[in-house]
Amino acid sequence: MPINRLLQATLAALAVTVLASAQPVAAQTVMKLANATINDVQHEWQKLFAADLQKRVGDKVKTEIYPASQLGAIPRMVDSARSSPSSPLRPS
Protein backbone atom coordinates (compact mmCIF):
# COMPACT_ATOMS: atom_id res chain seq x y z
CA MET A 1 0.00 0.00 0.00
CA PRO A 2 2.74 2.57 0.80
CA ILE A 3 4.30 2.02 -2.65
CA ASN A 4 0.98 2.80 -4.27
CA ARG A 5 0.67 6.08 -2.32
CA LEU A 6 4.28 6.94 -3.11
CA LEU A 7 3.60 6.37 -6.79
CA GLN A 8 0.47 8.54 -6.64
CA ALA A 9 2.36 11.34 -4.88
CA THR A 10 5.18 11.13 -7.42
CA LEU A 11 2.78 11.28 -10.35
CA ALA A 12 0.92 14.19 -8.78
CA ALA A 13 4.17 16.10 -8.24
CA LEU A 14 5.23 15.34 -11.81
CA ALA A 15 1.89 16.58 -13.17
CA VAL A 16 2.17 19.83 -11.19
CA THR A 17 5.73 20.35 -12.43
CA VAL A 18 4.77 19.75 -16.07
CA LEU A 19 1.76 22.07 -15.87
CA ALA A 20 3.72 24.79 -14.08
CA SER A 21 6.54 24.72 -16.61
CA ALA A 22 4.35 24.70 -19.72
CA GLN A 23 5.26 27.46 -22.13
CA PRO A 24 2.40 29.69 -23.28
CA VAL A 25 1.62 29.52 -26.98
CA ALA A 26 2.88 32.60 -28.81
CA ALA A 27 0.17 34.77 -30.31
CA GLN A 28 0.04 34.91 -34.08
CA THR A 29 1.27 38.19 -35.57
CA VAL A 30 -1.18 39.98 -37.84
CA MET A 31 0.13 42.20 -40.64
CA LYS A 32 -2.45 44.57 -42.09
CA LEU A 33 -1.77 45.80 -45.62
CA ALA A 34 -3.92 48.72 -46.72
CA ASN A 35 -4.13 51.03 -49.71
CA ALA A 36 -6.57 53.51 -51.23
CA THR A 37 -7.23 51.62 -54.46
CA ILE A 38 -8.41 48.20 -55.57
CA ASN A 39 -7.48 45.87 -58.45
CA ASP A 40 -4.38 47.84 -59.40
CA VAL A 41 -0.63 47.32 -59.10
CA GLN A 42 -0.53 48.03 -55.34
CA HIS A 43 -3.36 45.63 -54.61
CA GLU A 44 -1.86 42.89 -56.80
CA TRP A 45 1.55 43.39 -55.14
CA GLN A 46 -0.04 42.99 -51.72
CA LYS A 47 -1.59 39.68 -52.80
CA LEU A 48 1.77 38.42 -54.09
CA PHE A 49 3.55 39.63 -50.95
CA ALA A 50 1.02 37.90 -48.68
CA ALA A 51 1.36 34.62 -50.62
CA ASP A 52 5.18 34.76 -50.54
CA LEU A 53 5.21 35.60 -46.83
CA GLN A 54 2.90 32.65 -46.14
CA LYS A 55 5.33 30.32 -47.95
CA ARG A 56 8.31 31.67 -46.00
CA VAL A 57 6.99 31.86 -42.44
CA GLY A 58 3.88 29.68 -42.49
CA ASP A 59 1.31 30.47 -39.82
CA LYS A 60 3.59 32.72 -37.77
CA VAL A 61 2.26 35.81 -39.56
CA LYS A 62 -1.30 36.27 -40.77
CA THR A 63 -1.66 38.82 -43.57
CA GLU A 64 -4.85 40.83 -43.97
CA ILE A 65 -5.38 42.99 -47.06
CA TYR A 66 -7.61 46.08 -46.90
CA PRO A 67 -7.96 47.71 -50.34
CA ALA A 68 -10.15 50.69 -51.34
CA SER A 69 -9.56 52.67 -48.11
CA GLN A 70 -11.37 50.11 -45.98
CA LEU A 71 -9.36 51.26 -42.97
CA GLY A 72 -10.17 54.92 -43.60
CA ALA A 73 -8.86 57.78 -45.71
CA ILE A 74 -5.13 58.00 -46.40
CA PRO A 75 -4.37 60.50 -43.57
CA ARG A 76 -6.24 58.24 -41.11
CA MET A 77 -4.31 55.15 -42.25
CA VAL A 78 -1.01 57.01 -41.84
CA ASP A 79 -1.97 58.26 -38.36
CA SER A 80 -3.05 54.77 -37.37
CA ALA A 81 0.24 53.30 -38.56
CA ARG A 82 2.22 55.93 -36.68
CA SER A 83 0.32 55.47 -33.43
CA SER A 84 0.63 51.68 -33.40
CA PRO A 85 3.00 50.54 -30.62
CA SER A 86 4.82 48.19 -33.00
CA SER A 87 5.02 50.57 -35.94
CA PRO A 88 8.44 51.44 -37.41
CA LEU A 89 6.87 54.79 -38.36
CA ARG A 90 6.23 55.72 -34.73
CA PRO A 91 8.30 58.74 -33.68
CA SER A 92 10.66 58.06 -30.79
PDB file of N, CA and C in Angstrom:
ATOM      1  N   MET A   1       0.798  -1.199   0.000  1.00  0.00           N
ATOM      2  CA  MET A   1       0.000   0.000   0.000  1.00  0.00           C
ATOM      3  C   MET A   1       0.849   1.276   0.000  1.00  0.00           C
ATOM      4  N   PRO A   2       1.933   1.356   0.802  1.00  0.00           N
ATOM      5  CA  PRO A   2       2.743   2.566   0.797  1.00  0.00           C
ATOM      6  C   PRO A   2       3.370   2.853  -0.570  1.00  0.00           C
ATOM      7  N   ILE A   3       3.714   1.797  -1.317  1.00  0.00           N
ATOM      8  CA  ILE A   3       4.305   2.019  -2.646  1.00  0.00           C
ATOM      9  C   ILE A   3       3.275   2.658  -3.577  1.00  0.00           C
ATOM     10  N   ASN A   4       2.036   2.250  -3.452  1.00  0.00           N
ATOM     11  CA  ASN A   4       0.978   2.805  -4.271  1.00  0.00           C
ATOM     12  C   ASN A   4       0.789   4.295  -3.970  1.00  0.00           C
ATOM     13  N   ARG A   5       0.801   4.659  -2.703  1.00  0.00           N
ATOM     14  CA  ARG A   5       0.674   6.076  -2.325  1.00  0.00           C
ATOM     15  C   ARG A   5       1.891   6.878  -2.760  1.00  0.00           C
ATOM     16  N   LEU A   6       3.064   6.278  -2.654  1.00  0.00           N
ATOM     17  CA  LEU A   6       4.283   6.940  -3.112  1.00  0.00           C
ATOM     18  C   LEU A   6       4.227   7.191  -4.615  1.00  0.00           C
ATOM     19  N   LEU A   7       3.734   6.220  -5.340  1.00  0.00           N
ATOM     20  CA  LEU A   7       3.596   6.365  -6.791  1.00  0.00           C
ATOM     21  C   LEU A   7       2.587   7.458  -7.127  1.00  0.00           C
ATOM     22  N   GLN A   8       1.470   7.496  -6.415  1.00  0.00           N
ATOM     23  CA  GLN A   8       0.471   8.536  -6.640  1.00  0.00           C
ATOM     24  C   GLN A   8       1.040   9.920  -6.336  1.00  0.00           C
ATOM     25  N   ALA A   9       1.766  10.054  -5.258  1.00  0.00           N
ATOM     26  CA  ALA A   9       2.356  11.338  -4.881  1.00  0.00           C
ATOM     27  C   ALA A   9       3.387  11.780  -5.919  1.00  0.00           C
ATOM     28  N   THR A  10       4.177  10.817  -6.397  1.00  0.00           N
ATOM     29  CA  THR A  10       5.184  11.131  -7.417  1.00  0.00           C
ATOM     30  C   THR A  10       4.522  11.597  -8.710  1.00  0.00           C
ATOM     31  N   LEU A  11       3.487  10.890  -9.135  1.00  0.00           N
ATOM     32  CA  LEU A  11       2.777  11.275 -10.352  1.00  0.00           C
ATOM     33  C   LEU A  11       2.098  12.636 -10.204  1.00  0.00           C
ATOM     34  N   ALA A  12       1.546  12.897  -9.025  1.00  0.00           N
ATOM     35  CA  ALA A  12       0.918  14.193  -8.781  1.00  0.00           C
ATOM     36  C   ALA A  12       1.956  15.312  -8.829  1.00  0.00           C
ATOM     37  N   ALA A  13       3.104  15.088  -8.214  1.00  0.00           N
ATOM     38  CA  ALA A  13       4.171  16.095  -8.243  1.00  0.00           C
ATOM     39  C   ALA A  13       4.681  16.309  -9.661  1.00  0.00           C
ATOM     40  N   LEU A  14       4.791  15.239 -10.415  1.00  0.00           N
ATOM     41  CA  LEU A  14       5.226  15.345 -11.806  1.00  0.00           C
ATOM     42  C   LEU A  14       4.213  16.128 -12.628  1.00  0.00           C
ATOM     43  N   ALA A  15       2.934  15.868 -12.429  1.00  0.00           N
ATOM     44  CA  ALA A  15       1.888  16.584 -13.165  1.00  0.00           C
ATOM     45  C   ALA A  15       1.924  18.072 -12.849  1.00  0.00           C
ATOM     46  N   VAL A  16       2.087  18.420 -11.583  1.00  0.00           N
ATOM     47  CA  VAL A  16       2.166  19.828 -11.191  1.00  0.00           C
ATOM     48  C   VAL A  16       3.385  20.490 -11.825  1.00  0.00           C
ATOM     49  N   THR A  17       4.508  19.806 -11.834  1.00  0.00           N
ATOM     50  CA  THR A  17       5.733  20.345 -12.428  1.00  0.00           C
ATOM     51  C   THR A  17       5.561  20.578 -13.920  1.00  0.00           C
ATOM     52  N   VAL A  18       4.961  19.621 -14.624  1.00  0.00           N
ATOM     53  CA  VAL A  18       4.766  19.754 -16.065  1.00  0.00           C
ATOM     54  C   VAL A  18       3.817  20.901 -16.369  1.00  0.00           C
ATOM     55  N   LEU A  19       2.725  20.996 -15.631  1.00  0.00           N
ATOM     56  CA  LEU A  19       1.761  22.070 -15.874  1.00  0.00           C
ATOM     57  C   LEU A  19       2.338  23.440 -15.529  1.00  0.00           C
ATOM     58  N   ALA A  20       3.138  23.509 -14.489  1.00  0.00           N
ATOM     59  CA  ALA A  20       3.717  24.786 -14.083  1.00  0.00           C
ATOM     60  C   ALA A  20       4.786  25.261 -15.053  1.00  0.00           C
ATOM     61  N   SER A  21       5.459  24.327 -15.714  1.00  0.00           N
ATOM     62  CA  SER A  21       6.539  24.720 -16.614  1.00  0.00           C
ATOM     63  C   SER A  21       6.099  24.818 -18.068  1.00  0.00           C
ATOM     64  N   ALA A  22       4.830  24.636 -18.337  1.00  0.00           N
ATOM     65  CA  ALA A  22       4.350  24.698 -19.724  1.00  0.00           C
ATOM     66  C   ALA A  22       4.526  26.105 -20.273  1.00  0.00           C
ATOM     67  N   GLN A  23       5.056  26.180 -21.467  1.00  0.00           N
ATOM     68  CA  GLN A  23       5.265  27.465 -22.127  1.00  0.00           C
ATOM     69  C   GLN A  23       3.960  27.925 -22.766  1.00  0.00           C
ATOM     70  N   PRO A  24       3.601  29.210 -22.623  1.00  0.00           N
ATOM     71  CA  PRO A  24       2.396  29.691 -23.283  1.00  0.00           C
ATOM     72  C   PRO A  24       2.603  29.728 -24.801  1.00  0.00           C
ATOM     73  N   VAL A  25       1.541  29.498 -25.524  1.00  0.00           N
ATOM     74  CA  VAL A  25       1.621  29.517 -26.982  1.00  0.00           C
ATOM     75  C   VAL A  25       1.730  30.969 -27.432  1.00  0.00           C
ATOM     76  N   ALA A  26       2.685  31.241 -28.310  1.00  0.00           N
ATOM     77  CA  ALA A  26       2.881  32.597 -28.805  1.00  0.00           C
ATOM     78  C   ALA A  26       1.698  33.005 -29.678  1.00  0.00           C
ATOM     79  N   ALA A  27       1.273  34.247 -29.513  1.00  0.00           N
ATOM     80  CA  ALA A  27       0.168  34.765 -30.311  1.00  0.00           C
ATOM     81  C   ALA A  27       0.622  34.965 -31.751  1.00  0.00           C
ATOM     82  N   GLN A  28      -0.283  34.735 -32.667  1.00  0.00           N
ATOM     83  CA  GLN A  28       0.036  34.911 -34.080  1.00  0.00           C
ATOM     84  C   GLN A  28       0.112  36.403 -34.390  1.00  0.00           C
ATOM     85  N   THR A  29       1.115  36.814 -35.154  1.00  0.00           N
ATOM     86  CA  THR A  29       1.273  38.190 -35.569  1.00  0.00           C
ATOM     87  C   THR A  29       0.362  38.455 -36.756  1.00  0.00           C
ATOM     88  N   VAL A  30      -0.309  39.590 -36.739  1.00  0.00           N
ATOM     89  CA  VAL A  30      -1.180  39.980 -37.842  1.00  0.00           C
ATOM     90  C   VAL A  30      -0.567  41.196 -38.527  1.00  0.00           C
ATOM     91  N   MET A  31      -0.378  41.091 -39.843  1.00  0.00           N
ATOM     92  CA  MET A  31       0.134  42.204 -40.638  1.00  0.00           C
ATOM     93  C   MET A  31      -1.000  42.711 -41.519  1.00  0.00           C
ATOM     94  N   LYS A  32      -1.371  43.975 -41.309  1.00  0.00           N
ATOM     95  CA  LYS A  32      -2.446  44.570 -42.090  1.00  0.00           C
ATOM     96  C   LYS A  32      -1.830  45.391 -43.214  1.00  0.00           C
ATOM     97  N   LEU A  33      -2.222  45.069 -44.450  1.00  0.00           N
ATOM     98  CA  LEU A  33      -1.766  45.802 -45.621  1.00  0.00           C
ATOM     99  C   LEU A  33      -2.951  46.577 -46.174  1.00  0.00           C
ATOM    100  N   ALA A  34      -2.808  47.887 -46.277  1.00  0.00           N
ATOM    101  CA  ALA A  34      -3.921  48.724 -46.721  1.00  0.00           C
ATOM    102  C   ALA A  34      -3.458  49.671 -47.819  1.00  0.00           C
ATOM    103  N   ASN A  35      -4.375  49.993 -48.702  1.00  0.00           N
ATOM    104  CA  ASN A  35      -4.127  51.029 -49.709  1.00  0.00           C
ATOM    105  C   ASN A  35      -5.441  51.668 -50.101  1.00  0.00           C
ATOM    106  N   ALA A  36      -5.372  52.739 -50.885  1.00  0.00           N
ATOM    107  CA  ALA A  36      -6.566  53.514 -51.232  1.00  0.00           C
ATOM    108  C   ALA A  36      -7.254  53.018 -52.494  1.00  0.00           C
ATOM    109  N   THR A  37      -6.663  52.070 -53.193  1.00  0.00           N
ATOM    110  CA  THR A  37      -7.233  51.615 -54.457  1.00  0.00           C
ATOM    111  C   THR A  37      -7.514  50.122 -54.414  1.00  0.00           C
ATOM    112  N   ILE A  38      -8.124  49.621 -55.476  1.00  0.00           N
ATOM    113  CA  ILE A  38      -8.415  48.197 -55.567  1.00  0.00           C
ATOM    114  C   ILE A  38      -8.172  47.735 -57.006  1.00  0.00           C
ATOM    115  N   ASN A  39      -7.735  46.489 -57.144  1.00  0.00           N
ATOM    116  CA  ASN A  39      -7.483  45.875 -58.453  1.00  0.00           C
ATOM    117  C   ASN A  39      -6.495  46.678 -59.302  1.00  0.00           C
ATOM    118  N   ASP A  40      -5.451  47.153 -58.666  1.00  0.00           N
ATOM    119  CA  ASP A  40      -4.385  47.838 -59.397  1.00  0.00           C
ATOM    120  C   ASP A  40      -3.052  47.226 -58.989  1.00  0.00           C
ATOM    121  N   VAL A  41      -1.964  47.867 -59.357  1.00  0.00           N
ATOM    122  CA  VAL A  41      -0.632  47.324 -59.096  1.00  0.00           C
ATOM    123  C   VAL A  41      -0.380  47.159 -57.599  1.00  0.00           C
ATOM    124  N   GLN A  42      -0.763  48.140 -56.787  1.00  0.00           N
ATOM    125  CA  GLN A  42      -0.533  48.032 -55.340  1.00  0.00           C
ATOM    126  C   GLN A  42      -1.297  46.855 -54.749  1.00  0.00           C
ATOM    127  N   HIS A  43      -2.535  46.703 -55.140  1.00  0.00           N
ATOM    128  CA  HIS A  43      -3.362  45.629 -54.613  1.00  0.00           C
ATOM    129  C   HIS A  43      -2.823  44.272 -55.048  1.00  0.00           C
ATOM    130  N   GLU A  44      -2.431  44.149 -56.304  1.00  0.00           N
ATOM    131  CA  GLU A  44      -1.864  42.891 -56.799  1.00  0.00           C
ATOM    132  C   GLU A  44      -0.545  42.577 -56.102  1.00  0.00           C
ATOM    133  N   TRP A  45       0.286  43.608 -55.856  1.00  0.00           N
ATOM    134  CA  TRP A  45       1.549  43.388 -55.141  1.00  0.00           C
ATOM    135  C   TRP A  45       1.278  42.878 -53.735  1.00  0.00           C
ATOM    136  N   GLN A  46       0.276  43.439 -53.072  1.00  0.00           N
ATOM    137  CA  GLN A  46      -0.044  42.990 -51.717  1.00  0.00           C
ATOM    138  C   GLN A  46      -0.453  41.517 -51.711  1.00  0.00           C
ATOM    139  N   LYS A  47      -1.199  41.095 -52.705  1.00  0.00           N
ATOM    140  CA  LYS A  47      -1.594  39.684 -52.798  1.00  0.00           C
ATOM    141  C   LYS A  47      -0.373  38.789 -52.980  1.00  0.00           C
ATOM    142  N   LEU A  48       0.545  39.198 -53.869  1.00  0.00           N
ATOM    143  CA  LEU A  48       1.773  38.421 -54.092  1.00  0.00           C
ATOM    144  C   LEU A  48       2.643  38.393 -52.838  1.00  0.00           C
ATOM    145  N   PHE A  49       2.753  39.540 -52.175  1.00  0.00           N
ATOM    146  CA  PHE A  49       3.549  39.628 -50.954  1.00  0.00           C
ATOM    147  C   PHE A  49       2.982  38.706 -49.875  1.00  0.00           C
ATOM    148  N   ALA A  50       1.663  38.740 -49.699  1.00  0.00           N
ATOM    149  CA  ALA A  50       1.020  37.898 -48.684  1.00  0.00           C
ATOM    150  C   ALA A  50       1.247  36.413 -48.977  1.00  0.00           C
ATOM    151  N   ALA A  51       1.148  36.032 -50.243  1.00  0.00           N
ATOM    152  CA  ALA A  51       1.360  34.623 -50.615  1.00  0.00           C
ATOM    153  C   ALA A  51       2.813  34.209 -50.377  1.00  0.00           C
ATOM    154  N   ASP A  52       3.761  35.070 -50.741  1.00  0.00           N
ATOM    155  CA  ASP A  52       5.180  34.759 -50.541  1.00  0.00           C
ATOM    156  C   ASP A  52       5.519  34.694 -49.052  1.00  0.00           C
ATOM    157  N   LEU A  53       4.965  35.608 -48.275  1.00  0.00           N
ATOM    158  CA  LEU A  53       5.209  35.598 -46.832  1.00  0.00           C
ATOM    159  C   LEU A  53       4.663  34.317 -46.203  1.00  0.00           C
ATOM    160  N   GLN A  54       3.498  33.887 -46.650  1.00  0.00           N
ATOM    161  CA  GLN A  54       2.900  32.647 -46.143  1.00  0.00           C
ATOM    162  C   GLN A  54       3.816  31.461 -46.415  1.00  0.00           C
ATOM    163  N   LYS A  55       4.421  31.418 -47.612  1.00  0.00           N
ATOM    164  CA  LYS A  55       5.333  30.324 -47.950  1.00  0.00           C
ATOM    165  C   LYS A  55       6.568  30.348 -47.061  1.00  0.00           C
ATOM    166  N   ARG A  56       7.062  31.545 -46.757  1.00  0.00           N
ATOM    167  CA  ARG A  56       8.307  31.672 -46.001  1.00  0.00           C
ATOM    168  C   ARG A  56       8.155  31.413 -44.508  1.00  0.00           C
ATOM    169  N   VAL A  57       7.103  31.948 -43.898  1.00  0.00           N
ATOM    170  CA  VAL A  57       6.990  31.856 -42.440  1.00  0.00           C
ATOM    171  C   VAL A  57       5.817  31.005 -41.963  1.00  0.00           C
ATOM    172  N   GLY A  58       5.007  30.529 -42.876  1.00  0.00           N
ATOM    173  CA  GLY A  58       3.882  29.682 -42.486  1.00  0.00           C
ATOM    174  C   GLY A  58       2.836  30.454 -41.712  1.00  0.00           C
ATOM    175  N   ASP A  59       2.389  29.870 -40.608  1.00  0.00           N
ATOM    176  CA  ASP A  59       1.314  30.470 -39.823  1.00  0.00           C
ATOM    177  C   ASP A  59       1.802  31.449 -38.753  1.00  0.00           C
ATOM    178  N   LYS A  60       3.073  31.785 -38.771  1.00  0.00           N
ATOM    179  CA  LYS A  60       3.590  32.718 -37.766  1.00  0.00           C
ATOM    180  C   LYS A  60       3.035  34.122 -37.971  1.00  0.00           C
ATOM    181  N   VAL A  61       2.779  34.485 -39.229  1.00  0.00           N
ATOM    182  CA  VAL A  61       2.259  35.809 -39.557  1.00  0.00           C
ATOM    183  C   VAL A  61       1.014  35.641 -40.418  1.00  0.00           C
ATOM    184  N   LYS A  62      -0.066  36.268 -39.988  1.00  0.00           N
ATOM    185  CA  LYS A  62      -1.297  36.272 -40.769  1.00  0.00           C
ATOM    186  C   LYS A  62      -1.385  37.611 -41.484  1.00  0.00           C
ATOM    187  N   THR A  63      -1.586  37.598 -42.792  1.00  0.00           N
ATOM    188  CA  THR A  63      -1.656  38.822 -43.575  1.00  0.00           C
ATOM    189  C   THR A  63      -3.108  39.129 -43.910  1.00  0.00           C
ATOM    190  N   GLU A  64      -3.515  40.356 -43.619  1.00  0.00           N
ATOM    191  CA  GLU A  64      -4.853  40.827 -43.966  1.00  0.00           C
ATOM    192  C   GLU A  64      -4.713  41.993 -44.934  1.00  0.00           C
ATOM    193  N   ILE A  65      -5.454  41.948 -46.039  1.00  0.00           N
ATOM    194  CA  ILE A  65      -5.376  42.991 -47.063  1.00  0.00           C
ATOM    195  C   ILE A  65      -6.657  43.813 -47.021  1.00  0.00           C
ATOM    196  N   TYR A  66      -6.491  45.142 -46.947  1.00  0.00           N
ATOM    197  CA  TYR A  66      -7.608  46.078 -46.904  1.00  0.00           C
ATOM    198  C   TYR A  66      -7.473  47.083 -48.050  1.00  0.00           C
ATOM    199  N   PRO A  67      -8.021  46.761 -49.231  1.00  0.00           N
ATOM    200  CA  PRO A  67      -7.959  47.707 -50.344  1.00  0.00           C
ATOM    201  C   PRO A  67      -9.100  48.734 -50.259  1.00  0.00           C
ATOM    202  N   ALA A  68      -9.073  49.701 -51.162  1.00  0.00           N
ATOM    203  CA  ALA A  68     -10.149  50.686 -51.338  1.00  0.00           C
ATOM    204  C   ALA A  68     -10.451  51.466 -50.058  1.00  0.00           C
ATOM    205  N   SER A  69      -9.423  51.854 -49.338  1.00  0.00           N
ATOM    206  CA  SER A  69      -9.556  52.669 -48.114  1.00  0.00           C
ATOM    207  C   SER A  69     -10.505  52.064 -47.090  1.00  0.00           C
ATOM    208  N   GLN A  70     -10.500  50.754 -46.955  1.00  0.00           N
ATOM    209  CA  GLN A  70     -11.375  50.105 -45.985  1.00  0.00           C
ATOM    210  C   GLN A  70     -11.022  50.471 -44.545  1.00  0.00           C
ATOM    211  N   LEU A  71      -9.780  50.867 -44.317  1.00  0.00           N
ATOM    212  CA  LEU A  71      -9.360  51.262 -42.966  1.00  0.00           C
ATOM    213  C   LEU A  71      -9.445  52.768 -42.759  1.00  0.00           C
ATOM    214  N   GLY A  72     -10.022  53.474 -43.717  1.00  0.00           N
ATOM    215  CA  GLY A  72     -10.166  54.921 -43.602  1.00  0.00           C
ATOM    216  C   GLY A  72      -9.410  55.642 -44.705  1.00  0.00           C
ATOM    217  N   ALA A  73      -9.559  56.956 -44.719  1.00  0.00           N
ATOM    218  CA  ALA A  73      -8.864  57.782 -45.707  1.00  0.00           C
ATOM    219  C   ALA A  73      -7.354  57.700 -45.480  1.00  0.00           C
ATOM    220  N   ILE A  74      -6.584  58.108 -46.476  1.00  0.00           N
ATOM    221  CA  ILE A  74      -5.126  58.002 -46.405  1.00  0.00           C
ATOM    222  C   ILE A  74      -4.553  58.661 -45.147  1.00  0.00           C
ATOM    223  N   PRO A  75      -4.930  59.914 -44.803  1.00  0.00           N
ATOM    224  CA  PRO A  75      -4.374  60.499 -43.569  1.00  0.00           C
ATOM    225  C   PRO A  75      -4.689  59.667 -42.322  1.00  0.00           C
ATOM    226  N   ARG A  76      -5.877  59.071 -42.267  1.00  0.00           N
ATOM    227  CA  ARG A  76      -6.237  58.243 -41.105  1.00  0.00           C
ATOM    228  C   ARG A  76      -5.397  56.973 -41.058  1.00  0.00           C
ATOM    229  N   MET A  77      -5.148  56.354 -42.222  1.00  0.00           N
ATOM    230  CA  MET A  77      -4.312  55.152 -42.250  1.00  0.00           C
ATOM    231  C   MET A  77      -2.892  55.470 -41.801  1.00  0.00           C
ATOM    232  N   VAL A  78      -2.368  56.620 -42.231  1.00  0.00           N
ATOM    233  CA  VAL A  78      -1.013  57.012 -41.837  1.00  0.00           C
ATOM    234  C   VAL A  78      -0.956  57.268 -40.336  1.00  0.00           C
ATOM    235  N   ASP A  79      -1.940  57.993 -39.805  1.00  0.00           N
ATOM    236  CA  ASP A  79      -1.968  58.257 -38.360  1.00  0.00           C
ATOM    237  C   ASP A  79      -2.084  56.965 -37.568  1.00  0.00           C
ATOM    238  N   SER A  80      -2.891  56.052 -38.051  1.00  0.00           N
ATOM    239  CA  SER A  80      -3.054  54.767 -37.370  1.00  0.00           C
ATOM    240  C   SER A  80      -1.746  53.982 -37.362  1.00  0.00           C
ATOM    241  N   ALA A  81      -1.041  53.999 -38.493  1.00  0.00           N
ATOM    242  CA  ALA A  81       0.243  53.296 -38.564  1.00  0.00           C
ATOM    243  C   ALA A  81       1.270  53.930 -37.630  1.00  0.00           C
ATOM    244  N   ARG A  82       1.260  55.240 -37.550  1.00  0.00           N
ATOM    245  CA  ARG A  82       2.218  55.932 -36.682  1.00  0.00           C
ATOM    246  C   ARG A  82       1.932  55.703 -35.208  1.00  0.00           C
ATOM    247  N   SER A  83       0.666  55.585 -34.848  1.00  0.00           N
ATOM    248  CA  SER A  83       0.318  55.470 -33.434  1.00  0.00           C
ATOM    249  C   SER A  83       0.377  54.037 -32.921  1.00  0.00           C
ATOM    250  N   SER A  84       0.549  53.076 -33.820  1.00  0.00           N
ATOM    251  CA  SER A  84       0.635  51.680 -33.398  1.00  0.00           C
ATOM    252  C   SER A  84       1.907  51.467 -32.592  1.00  0.00           C
ATOM    253  N   PRO A  85       1.809  50.766 -31.453  1.00  0.00           N
ATOM    254  CA  PRO A  85       2.997  50.536 -30.619  1.00  0.00           C
ATOM    255  C   PRO A  85       4.117  49.788 -31.335  1.00  0.00           C
ATOM    256  N   SER A  86       3.785  48.967 -32.317  1.00  0.00           N
ATOM    257  CA  SER A  86       4.816  48.188 -33.004  1.00  0.00           C
ATOM    258  C   SER A  86       5.208  48.766 -34.355  1.00  0.00           C
ATOM    259  N   SER A  87       4.769  49.980 -34.642  1.00  0.00           N
ATOM    260  CA  SER A  87       5.019  50.572 -35.944  1.00  0.00           C
ATOM    261  C   SER A  87       6.450  51.106 -36.066  1.00  0.00           C
ATOM    262  N   PRO A  88       7.117  50.829 -37.192  1.00  0.00           N
ATOM    263  CA  PRO A  88       8.436  51.440 -37.414  1.00  0.00           C
ATOM    264  C   PRO A  88       8.311  52.918 -37.750  1.00  0.00           C
ATOM    265  N   LEU A  89       7.094  53.383 -38.038  1.00  0.00           N
ATOM    266  CA  LEU A  89       6.874  54.793 -38.360  1.00  0.00           C
ATOM    267  C   LEU A  89       6.655  55.642 -37.123  1.00  0.00           C
ATOM    268  N   ARG A  90       6.522  54.998 -35.973  1.00  0.00           N
ATOM    269  CA  ARG A  90       6.234  55.721 -34.729  1.00  0.00           C
ATOM    270  C   ARG A  90       7.426  56.578 -34.326  1.00  0.00           C
ATOM    271  N   PRO A  91       7.187  57.874 -34.105  1.00  0.00           N
ATOM    272  CA  PRO A  91       8.302  58.739 -33.676  1.00  0.00           C
ATOM    273  C   PRO A  91       8.795  58.346 -32.295  1.00  0.00           C
ATOM    274  N   SER A  92      10.101  58.458 -32.086  1.00  0.00           N
ATOM    275  CA  SER A  92      10.655  58.060 -30.794  1.00  0.00           C
ATOM    276  C   SER A  92      10.848  59.238 -29.882  1.00  0.00           C
TER     277      SER A  92
END
